[in-house]
C-alpha cells in the first residue's frame, strides 16, 4: 500500500474516532437527568451544538481546499436552509 494511502486511512480512522467520541459524549449527556423542562432544553441545545460541530467537520473533510472563513460561510448557508423534503 502506498504511503499516501496509509495516511488517508489513518486520517479517516481518526475522524471516525472523533465523531464517535462526540456522539458518545452527546448521548451520555442526554442519558443524564433530563426530567425537567430546563434539562431537556439544555440537552437539546447541546445536541444542536454537537450537530453543528459534526457538520463543520464534514465540510472540512469534503472541501479541504477551503479556508476556515469559507467553511463558516458554507456552514451558515447550511444552517439557514429551509427543510427540504426527503
N, C-alpha and C. Protein backbone atom coordinates (compact mmCIF):
# COMPACT_ATOMS: atom_id res chain seq x y z
N UNK A 1 0.85 -1.18 0.00
CA UNK A 1 0.00 0.00 0.00
C UNK A 1 0.89 1.24 0.00
N UNK A 2 0.53 2.23 -0.77
CA UNK A 2 1.33 3.44 -0.86
C UNK A 2 1.26 4.23 0.44
N UNK A 3 2.31 5.00 0.68
CA UNK A 3 2.38 5.80 1.90
C UNK A 3 1.22 6.79 1.97
N UNK A 4 0.85 7.43 0.86
CA UNK A 4 -0.26 8.37 0.83
C UNK A 4 -1.56 7.72 1.24
N UNK A 5 -1.76 6.51 0.78
CA UNK A 5 -2.98 5.76 1.12
C UNK A 5 -3.02 5.45 2.61
N UNK A 6 -1.87 5.10 3.19
CA UNK A 6 -1.82 4.84 4.63
C UNK A 6 -2.18 6.08 5.42
N UNK A 7 -1.70 7.24 4.97
CA UNK A 7 -2.02 8.49 5.65
C UNK A 7 -3.50 8.79 5.57
N UNK A 8 -4.10 8.51 4.41
CA UNK A 8 -5.54 8.72 4.23
C UNK A 8 -6.33 7.81 5.17
N UNK A 9 -5.93 6.54 5.24
CA UNK A 9 -6.63 5.58 6.09
C UNK A 9 -6.51 5.99 7.55
N UNK A 10 -5.32 6.40 7.97
CA UNK A 10 -5.12 6.82 9.36
C UNK A 10 -5.94 8.06 9.68
N UNK A 11 -5.97 9.02 8.75
CA UNK A 11 -6.75 10.24 8.98
C UNK A 11 -8.23 9.92 9.05
N UNK A 12 -8.69 9.05 8.17
CA UNK A 12 -10.11 8.67 8.18
C UNK A 12 -10.47 7.97 9.49
N UNK A 13 -9.58 7.08 9.94
CA UNK A 13 -9.82 6.37 11.19
C UNK A 13 -9.90 7.35 12.35
N UNK A 14 -9.02 8.34 12.36
CA UNK A 14 -9.02 9.35 13.43
C UNK A 14 -10.30 10.17 13.39
N UNK A 15 -10.75 10.57 12.20
CA UNK A 15 -12.00 11.33 12.09
C UNK A 15 -13.18 10.52 12.60
N UNK A 16 -13.20 9.24 12.26
CA UNK A 16 -14.28 8.38 12.74
C UNK A 16 -14.24 8.25 14.26
N UNK A 17 -13.04 8.16 14.83
CA UNK A 17 -12.92 8.09 16.29
C UNK A 17 -13.43 9.37 16.93
N UNK A 18 -13.07 10.54 16.36
CA UNK A 18 -13.53 11.82 16.91
C UNK A 18 -15.04 11.94 16.81
N UNK A 19 -15.60 11.55 15.68
CA UNK A 19 -17.05 11.60 15.50
C UNK A 19 -17.74 10.69 16.51
N UNK A 20 -17.19 9.51 16.69
CA UNK A 20 -17.74 8.56 17.65
C UNK A 20 -17.68 9.12 19.07
N UNK A 21 -16.56 9.77 19.40
CA UNK A 21 -16.42 10.36 20.73
C UNK A 21 -17.43 11.47 20.94
N UNK A 22 -17.64 12.33 19.92
CA UNK A 22 -18.61 13.40 20.03
C UNK A 22 -20.01 12.84 20.23
N UNK A 23 -20.35 11.82 19.45
CA UNK A 23 -21.67 11.22 19.55
C UNK A 23 -21.85 10.55 20.90
N UNK A 24 -20.86 9.79 21.34
CA UNK A 24 -20.94 9.13 22.65
C UNK A 24 -21.12 10.15 23.77
N UNK A 25 -20.37 11.25 23.69
CA UNK A 25 -20.46 12.29 24.70
C UNK A 25 -21.86 12.91 24.71
N UNK A 26 -22.39 13.20 23.53
CA UNK A 26 -23.73 13.79 23.44
C UNK A 26 -24.78 12.84 23.98
N UNK A 27 -24.66 11.56 23.64
CA UNK A 27 -25.64 10.58 24.13
C UNK A 27 -25.54 10.41 25.65
N UNK A 28 -24.33 10.46 26.19
CA UNK A 28 -24.16 10.38 27.64
C UNK A 28 -24.85 11.53 28.33
N UNK A 29 -24.72 12.73 27.76
CA UNK A 29 -25.36 13.89 28.36
C UNK A 29 -26.87 13.80 28.29
N UNK A 30 -27.39 13.25 27.20
CA UNK A 30 -28.84 13.09 27.07
C UNK A 30 -29.34 12.06 28.06
N UNK A 31 -28.56 11.01 28.29
CA UNK A 31 -28.98 9.95 29.19
C UNK A 31 -29.04 10.40 30.65
N UNK A 32 -28.34 11.49 30.96
CA UNK A 32 -28.38 12.01 32.33
C UNK A 32 -29.76 12.56 32.65
N UNK A 33 -29.92 13.08 33.79
CA UNK A 33 -31.20 13.58 34.29
C UNK A 33 -31.81 14.61 33.33
N UNK A 34 -32.81 14.19 32.58
CA UNK A 34 -33.49 15.08 31.65
C UNK A 34 -34.99 15.12 31.94
N UNK A 35 -35.36 15.05 33.22
CA UNK A 35 -36.78 15.09 33.57
C UNK A 35 -37.35 16.50 33.50
N UNK A 36 -36.60 17.49 33.89
CA UNK A 36 -37.14 18.84 33.95
C UNK A 36 -37.12 19.48 32.55
N UNK A 37 -38.03 20.40 32.29
CA UNK A 37 -38.02 21.10 31.00
C UNK A 37 -36.69 21.82 30.76
N UNK A 38 -36.11 22.39 31.81
CA UNK A 38 -34.83 23.09 31.66
C UNK A 38 -33.74 22.13 31.23
N UNK A 39 -33.71 20.95 31.84
CA UNK A 39 -32.70 19.96 31.49
C UNK A 39 -32.90 19.46 30.06
N UNK A 40 -34.16 19.30 29.65
CA UNK A 40 -34.44 18.87 28.28
C UNK A 40 -33.98 19.92 27.28
N UNK A 41 -34.22 21.19 27.60
CA UNK A 41 -33.79 22.27 26.71
C UNK A 41 -32.27 22.31 26.60
N UNK A 42 -31.59 22.19 27.75
CA UNK A 42 -30.13 22.19 27.72
C UNK A 42 -29.58 21.01 26.91
N UNK A 43 -30.21 19.85 27.06
CA UNK A 43 -29.77 18.68 26.30
C UNK A 43 -29.97 18.92 24.80
N UNK A 44 -31.11 19.51 24.43
CA UNK A 44 -31.38 19.79 23.02
C UNK A 44 -30.37 20.79 22.46
N UNK A 45 -30.05 21.82 23.24
CA UNK A 45 -29.08 22.81 22.78
C UNK A 45 -27.68 22.21 22.64
N UNK A 46 -27.31 21.33 23.55
CA UNK A 46 -26.02 20.66 23.46
C UNK A 46 -25.96 19.77 22.22
N UNK A 47 -27.06 19.05 21.94
CA UNK A 47 -27.10 18.20 20.74
C UNK A 47 -27.03 19.05 19.48
N UNK A 48 -27.67 20.21 19.49
CA UNK A 48 -27.60 21.13 18.36
C UNK A 48 -26.15 21.55 18.12
N UNK A 49 -25.48 21.95 19.20
CA UNK A 49 -24.07 22.35 19.08
C UNK A 49 -23.21 21.21 18.53
N UNK A 50 -23.46 20.00 19.01
CA UNK A 50 -22.69 18.84 18.53
C UNK A 50 -22.98 18.59 17.05
N UNK A 51 -24.23 18.75 16.63
CA UNK A 51 -24.59 18.57 15.23
C UNK A 51 -23.89 19.59 14.33
N UNK A 52 -23.83 20.84 14.79
CA UNK A 52 -23.14 21.88 14.03
C UNK A 52 -21.65 21.55 13.94
N UNK A 53 -21.07 21.11 15.04
CA UNK A 53 -19.65 20.75 15.04
C UNK A 53 -19.38 19.59 14.08
N UNK A 54 -20.27 18.61 14.06
CA UNK A 54 -20.10 17.47 13.15
C UNK A 54 -20.22 17.91 11.69
N UNK A 55 -21.17 18.82 11.42
CA UNK A 55 -21.32 19.30 10.04
C UNK A 55 -20.10 20.11 9.62
N UNK A 56 -19.54 20.89 10.53
CA UNK A 56 -18.32 21.65 10.23
C UNK A 56 -17.20 20.67 9.85
N UNK A 57 -17.04 19.60 10.62
CA UNK A 57 -16.02 18.59 10.31
C UNK A 57 -16.28 17.95 8.95
N UNK A 58 -17.54 17.72 8.64
CA UNK A 58 -17.90 17.13 7.35
C UNK A 58 -17.49 18.06 6.21
N UNK A 59 -17.79 19.36 6.34
CA UNK A 59 -17.39 20.32 5.32
C UNK A 59 -15.86 20.39 5.19
N UNK A 60 -15.16 20.35 6.32
CA UNK A 60 -13.70 20.40 6.26
C UNK A 60 -13.14 19.17 5.56
N UNK A 61 -13.77 18.04 5.77
CA UNK A 61 -13.32 16.81 5.12
C UNK A 61 -13.66 16.82 3.63
N UNK A 62 -14.86 17.27 3.30
CA UNK A 62 -15.28 17.26 1.89
C UNK A 62 -14.64 18.35 1.05
N UNK A 63 -14.27 19.45 1.70
CA UNK A 63 -13.70 20.60 0.98
C UNK A 63 -12.39 21.05 1.64
N UNK A 64 -11.36 20.21 1.60
CA UNK A 64 -10.11 20.55 2.29
C UNK A 64 -9.42 21.78 1.73
N UNK A 65 -9.77 22.16 0.51
CA UNK A 65 -9.11 23.32 -0.11
C UNK A 65 -9.67 24.65 0.39
N UNK A 66 -10.82 24.65 1.07
CA UNK A 66 -11.44 25.89 1.53
C UNK A 66 -10.78 26.42 2.79
N UNK A 67 -10.71 27.74 2.87
CA UNK A 67 -10.22 28.39 4.10
C UNK A 67 -11.30 28.30 5.17
N UNK A 68 -10.92 28.54 6.41
CA UNK A 68 -11.86 28.45 7.53
C UNK A 68 -13.04 29.40 7.35
N UNK A 69 -12.78 30.59 6.82
CA UNK A 69 -13.86 31.56 6.61
C UNK A 69 -14.87 31.03 5.61
N UNK A 70 -14.38 30.34 4.57
CA UNK A 70 -15.26 29.77 3.56
C UNK A 70 -16.07 28.60 4.13
N UNK A 71 -15.44 27.82 5.00
CA UNK A 71 -16.16 26.73 5.67
C UNK A 71 -17.29 27.32 6.51
N UNK A 72 -17.00 28.41 7.24
CA UNK A 72 -18.03 29.04 8.07
C UNK A 72 -19.18 29.59 7.23
N UNK A 73 -18.87 30.16 6.06
CA UNK A 73 -19.93 30.63 5.16
C UNK A 73 -20.79 29.46 4.68
N UNK A 74 -20.14 28.38 4.32
CA UNK A 74 -20.87 27.18 3.88
C UNK A 74 -21.72 26.64 5.02
N UNK A 75 -21.19 26.64 6.23
CA UNK A 75 -21.92 26.16 7.40
C UNK A 75 -23.12 27.06 7.68
N UNK A 76 -22.93 28.38 7.59
CA UNK A 76 -24.05 29.30 7.80
C UNK A 76 -25.14 29.10 6.77
N UNK A 77 -24.75 28.83 5.52
CA UNK A 77 -25.74 28.54 4.49
C UNK A 77 -26.50 27.26 4.80
N UNK A 78 -25.80 26.27 5.29
CA UNK A 78 -26.43 25.00 5.67
C UNK A 78 -27.42 25.22 6.82
N UNK A 79 -27.02 26.03 7.79
CA UNK A 79 -27.90 26.31 8.93
C UNK A 79 -29.13 27.12 8.52
N UNK A 80 -28.98 27.98 7.53
CA UNK A 80 -30.08 28.87 7.13
C UNK A 80 -31.03 28.22 6.13
N UNK A 81 -30.70 27.05 5.62
CA UNK A 81 -31.54 26.43 4.60
C UNK A 81 -32.91 26.07 5.17
N UNK A 82 -33.86 26.04 4.29
CA UNK A 82 -35.18 25.58 4.69
C UNK A 82 -35.19 24.06 4.62
N UNK A 83 -36.01 23.46 5.46
CA UNK A 83 -36.09 22.00 5.43
C UNK A 83 -36.54 21.54 4.06
N UNK A 84 -35.84 20.55 3.58
CA UNK A 84 -36.14 20.00 2.26
C UNK A 84 -36.84 18.66 2.43
N UNK A 85 -37.72 18.35 1.51
CA UNK A 85 -38.38 17.05 1.54
C UNK A 85 -37.36 15.96 1.28
N UNK A 86 -37.47 14.87 2.01
CA UNK A 86 -36.51 13.77 1.82
C UNK A 86 -36.89 12.91 0.67
